C-alpha cells in the first residue's frame, strides 16, 4: 500500500507541473467563462432560495387558516 507522504509528494509535483503549463491558463479561463455564464442566468443563492421557501410555507399556512375561518363564517352565516 502507498504511504500518504509519497502520495502527497506526487500530488504536489503534479500540481507544480500543471501550474507551469497551459493547463493552468485553461482552468482560469474556464472558471471565468462559467462565472460569466452563471451571472447571465440570473441565478439565486441557496440561502435566498431557502428564505423564499420558508416564506412560502408560512404563507401557505396562513392561507389554510384563513380558508378554515372563512368556511366557519360561511357555516354560521347560512345557519
PDB file of N, CA and C in Angstrom:
ATOM      1  N   UNK A   1       0.847  -1.177   0.000  1.00  0.00           N
ATOM      2  CA  UNK A   1       0.000   0.000   0.000  1.00  0.00           C
ATOM      3  C   UNK A   1       0.896   1.246   0.000  1.00  0.00           C
ATOM      4  N   UNK A   2       0.468   2.282  -0.719  1.00  0.00           N
ATOM      5  CA  UNK A   2       1.252   3.514  -0.811  1.00  0.00           C
ATOM      6  C   UNK A   2       1.141   4.320   0.474  1.00  0.00           C
ATOM      7  N   UNK A   3       2.240   4.913   0.844  1.00  0.00           N
ATOM      8  CA  UNK A   3       2.273   5.735   2.058  1.00  0.00           C
ATOM      9  C   UNK A   3       1.739   7.133   1.723  1.00  0.00           C
ATOM     10  N   UNK A   4       1.077   7.741   2.681  1.00  0.00           N
ATOM     11  CA  UNK A   4       0.479   9.064   2.493  1.00  0.00           C
ATOM     12  C   UNK A   4       1.499  10.134   2.108  1.00  0.00           C
ATOM     13  N   UNK A   5       2.683  10.176   2.727  1.00  0.00           N
ATOM     14  CA  UNK A   5       3.665  11.199   2.325  1.00  0.00           C
ATOM     15  C   UNK A   5       4.060  11.075   0.847  1.00  0.00           C
ATOM     16  N   UNK A   6       4.178   9.852   0.365  1.00  0.00           N
ATOM     17  CA  UNK A   6       4.515   9.637  -1.040  1.00  0.00           C
ATOM     18  C   UNK A   6       3.406  10.173  -1.940  1.00  0.00           C
ATOM     19  N   UNK A   7       2.154   9.880  -1.586  1.00  0.00           N
ATOM     20  CA  UNK A   7       1.007  10.357  -2.366  1.00  0.00           C
ATOM     21  C   UNK A   7       0.960  11.879  -2.353  1.00  0.00           C
ATOM     22  N   UNK A   8       1.196  12.473  -1.189  1.00  0.00           N
ATOM     23  CA  UNK A   8       1.213  13.933  -1.087  1.00  0.00           C
ATOM     24  C   UNK A   8       2.316  14.542  -1.949  1.00  0.00           C
ATOM     25  N   UNK A   9       3.482  13.901  -1.952  1.00  0.00           N
ATOM     26  CA  UNK A   9       4.611  14.407  -2.736  1.00  0.00           C
ATOM     27  C   UNK A   9       4.310  14.341  -4.232  1.00  0.00           C
ATOM     28  N   UNK A  10       3.770  13.229  -4.676  1.00  0.00           N
ATOM     29  CA  UNK A  10       3.422  13.088  -6.098  1.00  0.00           C
ATOM     30  C   UNK A  10       2.354  14.098  -6.471  1.00  0.00           C
ATOM     31  N   UNK A  11       1.370  14.257  -5.628  1.00  0.00           N
ATOM     32  CA  UNK A  11       0.301  15.215  -5.885  1.00  0.00           C
ATOM     33  C   UNK A  11       0.855  16.636  -5.993  1.00  0.00           C
ATOM     34  N   UNK A  12       1.751  16.992  -5.114  1.00  0.00           N
ATOM     35  CA  UNK A  12       2.356  18.325  -5.141  1.00  0.00           C
ATOM     36  C   UNK A  12       3.159  18.528  -6.421  1.00  0.00           C
ATOM     37  N   UNK A  13       3.877  17.504  -6.856  1.00  0.00           N
ATOM     38  CA  UNK A  13       4.661  17.615  -8.090  1.00  0.00           C
ATOM     39  C   UNK A  13       3.752  17.760  -9.307  1.00  0.00           C
ATOM     40  N   UNK A  14       2.654  17.034  -9.337  1.00  0.00           N
ATOM     41  CA  UNK A  14       1.712  17.150 -10.441  1.00  0.00           C
ATOM     42  C   UNK A  14       1.116  18.554 -10.481  1.00  0.00           C
ATOM     43  N   UNK A  15       0.737  19.092  -9.317  1.00  0.00           N
ATOM     44  CA  UNK A  15       0.206  20.461  -9.268  1.00  0.00           C
ATOM     45  C   UNK A  15       1.249  21.464  -9.754  1.00  0.00           C
ATOM     46  N   UNK A  16       2.495  21.248  -9.366  1.00  0.00           N
ATOM     47  CA  UNK A  16       3.570  22.151  -9.782  1.00  0.00           C
ATOM     48  C   UNK A  16       3.774  22.099 -11.299  1.00  0.00           C
ATOM     49  N   UNK A  17       3.753  20.903 -11.849  1.00  0.00           N
ATOM     50  CA  UNK A  17       3.930  20.746 -13.298  1.00  0.00           C
ATOM     51  C   UNK A  17       2.763  21.402 -14.038  1.00  0.00           C
ATOM     52  N   UNK A  18       1.541  21.158 -13.575  1.00  0.00           N
ATOM     53  CA  UNK A  18       0.370  21.736 -14.230  1.00  0.00           C
ATOM     54  C   UNK A  18       0.343  23.257 -14.113  1.00  0.00           C
ATOM     55  N   UNK A  19       0.880  23.786 -13.031  1.00  0.00           N
ATOM     56  CA  UNK A  19       0.889  25.236 -12.843  1.00  0.00           C
ATOM     57  C   UNK A  19       1.778  25.917 -13.874  1.00  0.00           C
ATOM     58  N   UNK A  20       2.751  25.185 -14.417  1.00  0.00           N
ATOM     59  CA  UNK A  20       3.683  25.755 -15.390  1.00  0.00           C
ATOM     60  C   UNK A  20       3.328  25.394 -16.831  1.00  0.00           C
ATOM     61  N   UNK A  21       2.097  24.937 -17.051  1.00  0.00           N
ATOM     62  CA  UNK A  21       1.678  24.561 -18.402  1.00  0.00           C
ATOM     63  C   UNK A  21       0.444  25.362 -18.788  1.00  0.00           C
ATOM     64  N   UNK A  22       0.043  25.273 -20.040  1.00  0.00           N
ATOM     65  CA  UNK A  22      -1.189  25.948 -20.473  1.00  0.00           C
ATOM     66  C   UNK A  22      -2.437  25.437 -19.751  1.00  0.00           C
ATOM     67  N   UNK A  23      -2.341  24.267 -19.115  1.00  0.00           N
ATOM     68  CA  UNK A  23      -3.499  23.728 -18.397  1.00  0.00           C
ATOM     69  C   UNK A  23      -3.973  24.699 -17.329  1.00  0.00           C
ATOM     70  N   UNK A  24      -3.064  25.390 -16.695  1.00  0.00           N
ATOM     71  CA  UNK A  24      -3.428  26.373 -15.654  1.00  0.00           C
ATOM     72  C   UNK A  24      -4.220  27.522 -16.266  1.00  0.00           C
ATOM     73  N   UNK A  25      -3.779  27.998 -17.425  1.00  0.00           N
ATOM     74  CA  UNK A  25      -4.495  29.079 -18.117  1.00  0.00           C
ATOM     75  C   UNK A  25      -5.876  28.618 -18.560  1.00  0.00           C
ATOM     76  N   UNK A  26      -5.943  27.376 -19.023  1.00  0.00           N
ATOM     77  CA  UNK A  26      -7.237  26.833 -19.464  1.00  0.00           C
ATOM     78  C   UNK A  26      -8.198  26.790 -18.286  1.00  0.00           C
ATOM     79  N   UNK A  27      -7.725  26.325 -17.136  1.00  0.00           N
ATOM     80  CA  UNK A  27      -8.579  26.268 -15.940  1.00  0.00           C
ATOM     81  C   UNK A  27      -9.067  27.662 -15.554  1.00  0.00           C
ATOM     82  N   UNK A  28      -8.166  28.636 -15.559  1.00  0.00           N
ATOM     83  CA  UNK A  28      -8.519  30.011 -15.203  1.00  0.00           C
ATOM     84  C   UNK A  28      -9.560  30.564 -16.170  1.00  0.00           C
ATOM     85  N   UNK A  29      -9.338  30.332 -17.466  1.00  0.00           N
ATOM     86  CA  UNK A  29     -10.273  30.829 -18.475  1.00  0.00           C
ATOM     87  C   UNK A  29     -11.636  30.142 -18.373  1.00  0.00           C
ATOM     88  N   UNK A  30     -11.639  28.841 -18.099  1.00  0.00           N
ATOM     89  CA  UNK A  30     -12.902  28.107 -17.950  1.00  0.00           C
ATOM     90  C   UNK A  30     -13.688  28.622 -16.745  1.00  0.00           C
ATOM     91  N   UNK A  31     -12.988  28.879 -15.653  1.00  0.00           N
ATOM     92  CA  UNK A  31     -13.668  29.404 -14.460  1.00  0.00           C
ATOM     93  C   UNK A  31     -14.304  30.761 -14.758  1.00  0.00           C
ATOM     94  N   UNK A  32     -13.572  31.618 -15.460  1.00  0.00           N
ATOM     95  CA  UNK A  32     -14.095  32.941 -15.793  1.00  0.00           C
ATOM     96  C   UNK A  32     -15.297  32.819 -16.721  1.00  0.00           C
ATOM     97  N   UNK A  33     -15.200  31.935 -17.708  1.00  0.00           N
ATOM     98  CA  UNK A  33     -16.305  31.745 -18.644  1.00  0.00           C
ATOM     99  C   UNK A  33     -17.551  31.223 -17.929  1.00  0.00           C
ATOM    100  N   UNK A  34     -17.373  30.243 -17.050  1.00  0.00           N
ATOM    101  CA  UNK A  34     -18.511  29.698 -16.305  1.00  0.00           C
ATOM    102  C   UNK A  34     -19.123  30.736 -15.379  1.00  0.00           C
ATOM    103  N   UNK A  35     -18.288  31.531 -14.719  1.00  0.00           N
ATOM    104  CA  UNK A  35     -18.798  32.577 -13.833  1.00  0.00           C
ATOM    105  C   UNK A  35     -19.624  33.582 -14.616  1.00  0.00           C
ATOM    106  N   UNK A  36     -19.157  33.971 -15.805  1.00  0.00           N
ATOM    107  CA  UNK A  36     -19.912  34.918 -16.629  1.00  0.00           C
ATOM    108  C   UNK A  36     -21.227  34.307 -17.098  1.00  0.00           C
ATOM    109  N   UNK A  37     -21.192  33.031 -17.461  1.00  0.00           N
ATOM    110  CA  UNK A  37     -22.411  32.366 -17.922  1.00  0.00           C
ATOM    111  C   UNK A  37     -23.436  32.281 -16.789  1.00  0.00           C
ATOM    112  N   UNK A  38     -22.988  31.915 -15.599  1.00  0.00           N
ATOM    113  CA  UNK A  38     -23.906  31.834 -14.465  1.00  0.00           C
ATOM    114  C   UNK A  38     -24.461  33.201 -14.099  1.00  0.00           C
ATOM    115  N   UNK A  39     -23.676  34.242 -14.234  1.00  0.00           N
ATOM    116  CA  UNK A  39     -24.146  35.603 -13.942  1.00  0.00           C
ATOM    117  C   UNK A  39     -25.266  35.998 -14.893  1.00  0.00           C
ATOM    118  N   UNK A  40     -25.142  35.608 -16.150  1.00  0.00           N
ATOM    119  CA  UNK A  40     -26.194  35.931 -17.128  1.00  0.00           C
ATOM    120  C   UNK A  40     -27.476  35.164 -16.854  1.00  0.00           C
ATOM    121  N   UNK A  41     -27.381  34.007 -16.212  1.00  0.00           N
ATOM    122  CA  UNK A  41     -28.568  33.196 -15.930  1.00  0.00           C
ATOM    123  C   UNK A  41     -29.419  33.783 -14.809  1.00  0.00           C
ATOM    124  N   UNK A  42     -28.892  34.754 -14.094  1.00  0.00           N
ATOM    125  CA  UNK A  42     -29.619  35.406 -13.007  1.00  0.00           C
ATOM    126  C   UNK A  42     -30.087  34.381 -11.967  1.00  0.00           C
ATOM    127  N   UNK A  43     -29.162  33.571 -11.499  1.00  0.00           N
ATOM    128  CA  UNK A  43     -29.456  32.535 -10.510  1.00  0.00           C
ATOM    129  C   UNK A  43     -29.510  33.143  -9.109  1.00  0.00           C
ATOM    130  N   UNK A  44     -30.192  32.463  -8.210  1.00  0.00           N
ATOM    131  CA  UNK A  44     -30.236  32.899  -6.816  1.00  0.00           C
ATOM    132  C   UNK A  44     -29.342  31.982  -5.995  1.00  0.00           C
ATOM    133  N   UNK A  45     -28.915  32.490  -4.859  1.00  0.00           N
ATOM    134  CA  UNK A  45     -28.088  31.665  -3.978  1.00  0.00           C
ATOM    135  C   UNK A  45     -28.965  30.662  -3.243  1.00  0.00           C
ATOM    136  N   UNK A  46     -28.337  29.655  -2.685  1.00  0.00           N
ATOM    137  CA  UNK A  46     -29.065  28.642  -1.919  1.00  0.00           C
ATOM    138  C   UNK A  46     -29.755  29.293  -0.718  1.00  0.00           C
ATOM    139  N   UNK A  47     -29.077  30.252  -0.084  1.00  0.00           N
ATOM    140  CA  UNK A  47     -29.660  30.944   1.071  1.00  0.00           C
ATOM    141  C   UNK A  47     -30.928  31.691   0.659  1.00  0.00           C
ATOM    142  N   UNK A  48     -30.866  32.427  -0.448  1.00  0.00           N
ATOM    143  CA  UNK A  48     -32.052  33.158  -0.915  1.00  0.00           C
ATOM    144  C   UNK A  48     -33.194  32.194  -1.223  1.00  0.00           C
ATOM    145  N   UNK A  49     -32.859  31.059  -1.840  1.00  0.00           N
ATOM    146  CA  UNK A  49     -33.875  30.056  -2.156  1.00  0.00           C
ATOM    147  C   UNK A  49     -34.522  29.516  -0.887  1.00  0.00           C
ATOM    148  N   UNK A  50     -33.702  29.193   0.117  1.00  0.00           N
ATOM    149  CA  UNK A  50     -34.221  28.661   1.376  1.00  0.00           C
ATOM    150  C   UNK A  50     -35.107  29.677   2.090  1.00  0.00           C
ATOM    151  N   UNK A  51     -34.728  30.962   2.061  1.00  0.00           N
ATOM    152  CA  UNK A  51     -35.539  32.010   2.691  1.00  0.00           C
ATOM    153  C   UNK A  51     -36.897  32.091   2.006  1.00  0.00           C
ATOM    154  N   UNK A  52     -36.907  32.075   0.675  1.00  0.00           N
ATOM    155  CA  UNK A  52     -38.167  32.169  -0.053  1.00  0.00           C
ATOM    156  C   UNK A  52     -39.027  30.923   0.159  1.00  0.00           C
ATOM    157  N   UNK A  53     -38.407  29.754   0.272  1.00  0.00           N
ATOM    158  CA  UNK A  53     -39.151  28.519   0.539  1.00  0.00           C
ATOM    159  C   UNK A  53     -39.830  28.590   1.906  1.00  0.00           C
ATOM    160  N   UNK A  54     -39.103  29.084   2.894  1.00  0.00           N
ATOM    161  CA  UNK A  54     -39.678  29.233   4.240  1.00  0.00           C
ATOM    162  C   UNK A  54     -40.823  30.241   4.232  1.00  0.00           C
ATOM    163  N   UNK A  55     -40.645  31.342   3.541  1.00  0.00           N
ATOM    164  CA  UNK A  55     -41.688  32.361   3.444  1.00  0.00           C
ATOM    165  C   UNK A  55     -42.935  31.787   2.774  1.00  0.00           C
ATOM    166  N   UNK A  56     -42.745  31.025   1.719  1.00  0.00           N
ATOM    167  CA  UNK A  56     -43.879  30.413   1.031  1.00  0.00           C
ATOM    168  C   UNK A  56     -44.608  29.428   1.936  1.00  0.00           C
ATOM    169  N   UNK A  57     -43.885  28.658   2.713  1.00  0.00           N
ATOM    170  CA  UNK A  57     -44.511  27.701   3.642  1.00  0.00           C
ATOM    171  C   UNK A  57     -45.365  28.432   4.674  1.00  0.00           C
ATOM    172  N   UNK A  58     -44.833  29.531   5.226  1.00  0.00           N
ATOM    173  CA  UNK A  58     -45.609  30.305   6.206  1.00  0.00           C
ATOM    174  C   UNK A  58     -46.842  30.920   5.551  1.00  0.00           C
ATOM    175  N   UNK A  59     -46.701  31.394   4.332  1.00  0.00           N
ATOM    176  CA  UNK A  59     -47.838  31.982   3.623  1.00  0.00           C
ATOM    177  C   UNK A  59     -48.918  30.940   3.375  1.00  0.00           C
ATOM    178  N   UNK A  60     -48.505  29.739   3.010  1.00  0.00           N
ATOM    179  CA  UNK A  60     -49.483  28.657   2.793  1.00  0.00           C
ATOM    180  C   UNK A  60     -50.217  28.309   4.078  1.00  0.00           C
ATOM    181  N   UNK A  61     -49.485  28.297   5.201  1.00  0.00           N
ATOM    182  CA  UNK A  61     -50.126  28.016   6.489  1.00  0.00           C
ATOM    183  C   UNK A  61     -51.167  29.083   6.816  1.00  0.00           C
ATOM    184  N   UNK A  62     -50.820  30.342   6.609  1.00  0.00           N
ATOM    185  CA  UNK A  62     -51.759  31.431   6.878  1.00  0.00           C
ATOM    186  C   UNK A  62     -52.969  31.343   5.962  1.00  0.00           C
ATOM    187  N   UNK A  63     -52.743  31.003   4.687  1.00  0.00           N
ATOM    188  CA  UNK A  63     -53.853  30.868   3.746  1.00  0.00           C
ATOM    189  C   UNK A  63     -54.783  29.743   4.176  1.00  0.00           C
ATOM    190  N   UNK A  64     -54.220  28.615   4.597  1.00  0.00           N
ATOM    191  CA  UNK A  64     -55.052  27.497   5.053  1.00  0.00           C
ATOM    192  C   UNK A  64     -55.880  27.907   6.269  1.00  0.00           C
ATOM    193  N   UNK A  65     -55.279  28.662   7.194  1.00  0.00           N
ATOM    194  CA  UNK A  65     -56.010  29.113   8.379  1.00  0.00           C
ATOM    195  C   UNK A  65     -57.131  30.068   7.984  1.00  0.00           C
ATOM    196  N   UNK A  66     -56.860  30.973   7.057  1.00  0.00           N
ATOM    197  CA  UNK A  66     -57.896  31.908   6.610  1.00  0.00           C
ATOM    198  C   UNK A  66     -59.028  31.182   5.886  1.00  0.00           C
ATOM    199  N   UNK A  67     -58.693  30.166   5.093  1.00  0.00           N
ATOM    200  CA  UNK A  67     -59.728  29.383   4.412  1.00  0.00           C
ATOM    201  C   UNK A  67     -60.613  28.665   5.420  1.00  0.00           C
ATOM    202  N   UNK A  68     -60.007  28.149   6.485  1.00  0.00           N
ATOM    203  CA  UNK A  68     -60.768  27.477   7.538  1.00  0.00           C
ATOM    204  C   UNK A  68     -61.709  28.464   8.221  1.00  0.00           C
ATOM    205  N   UNK A  69     -61.186  29.654   8.548  1.00  0.00           N
ATOM    206  CA  UNK A  69     -62.024  30.672   9.188  1.00  0.00           C
ATOM    207  C   UNK A  69     -63.167  31.094   8.273  1.00  0.00           C
ATOM    208  N   UNK A  70     -62.892  31.247   6.987  1.00  0.00           N
ATOM    209  CA  UNK A  70     -63.927  31.650   6.033  1.00  0.00           C
ATOM    210  C   UNK A  70     -65.016  30.588   5.942  1.00  0.00           C
ATOM    211  N   UNK A  71     -64.610  29.333   5.942  1.00  0.00           N
ATOM    212  CA  UNK A  71     -65.593  28.240   5.908  1.00  0.00           C
ATOM    213  C   UNK A  71     -66.468  28.278   7.155  1.00  0.00           C
ATOM    214  N   UNK A  72     -65.852  28.541   8.317  1.00  0.00           N
ATOM    215  CA  UNK A  72     -66.624  28.625   9.561  1.00  0.00           C
ATOM    216  C   UNK A  72     -67.598  29.801   9.513  1.00  0.00           C
ATOM    217  N   UNK A  73     -67.185  30.949   9.008  1.00  0.00           N
ATOM    218  CA  UNK A  73     -68.068  32.105   8.890  1.00  0.00           C
ATOM    219  C   UNK A  73     -69.228  31.814   7.953  1.00  0.00           C
ATOM    220  N   UNK A  74     -68.927  31.114   6.840  1.00  0.00           N
ATOM    221  CA  UNK A  74     -69.981  30.764   5.895  1.00  0.00           C
ATOM    222  C   UNK A  74     -71.015  29.846   6.549  1.00  0.00           C
ATOM    223  N   UNK A  75     -70.550  28.895   7.349  1.00  0.00           N
ATOM    224  CA  UNK A  75     -71.467  27.972   8.020  1.00  0.00           C
ATOM    225  C   UNK A  75     -72.334  28.722   9.019  1.00  0.00           C
ATOM    226  N   UNK A  76     -71.741  29.678   9.744  1.00  0.00           N
ATOM    227  CA  UNK A  76     -72.509  30.453  10.730  1.00  0.00           C
ATOM    228  C   UNK A  76     -73.498  31.369  10.034  1.00  0.00           C
ATOM    229  N   UNK A  77     -73.112  31.907   8.892  1.00  0.00           N
ATOM    230  CA  UNK A  77     -73.966  32.847   8.180  1.00  0.00           C
ATOM    231  C   UNK A  77     -75.159  32.179   7.526  1.00  0.00           C
ATOM    232  N   UNK A  78     -75.034  30.928   7.114  1.00  0.00           N
ATOM    233  CA  UNK A  78     -76.145  30.224   6.465  1.00  0.00           C
ATOM    234  C   UNK A  78     -77.029  29.499   7.463  1.00  0.00           C
ATOM    235  N   UNK A  79     -76.624  29.466   8.714  1.00  0.00           N
ATOM    236  CA  UNK A  79     -77.420  28.762   9.744  1.00  0.00           C
ATOM    237  C   UNK A  79     -78.550  29.617  10.235  1.00  0.00           C
TER     238      UNK A  79
END
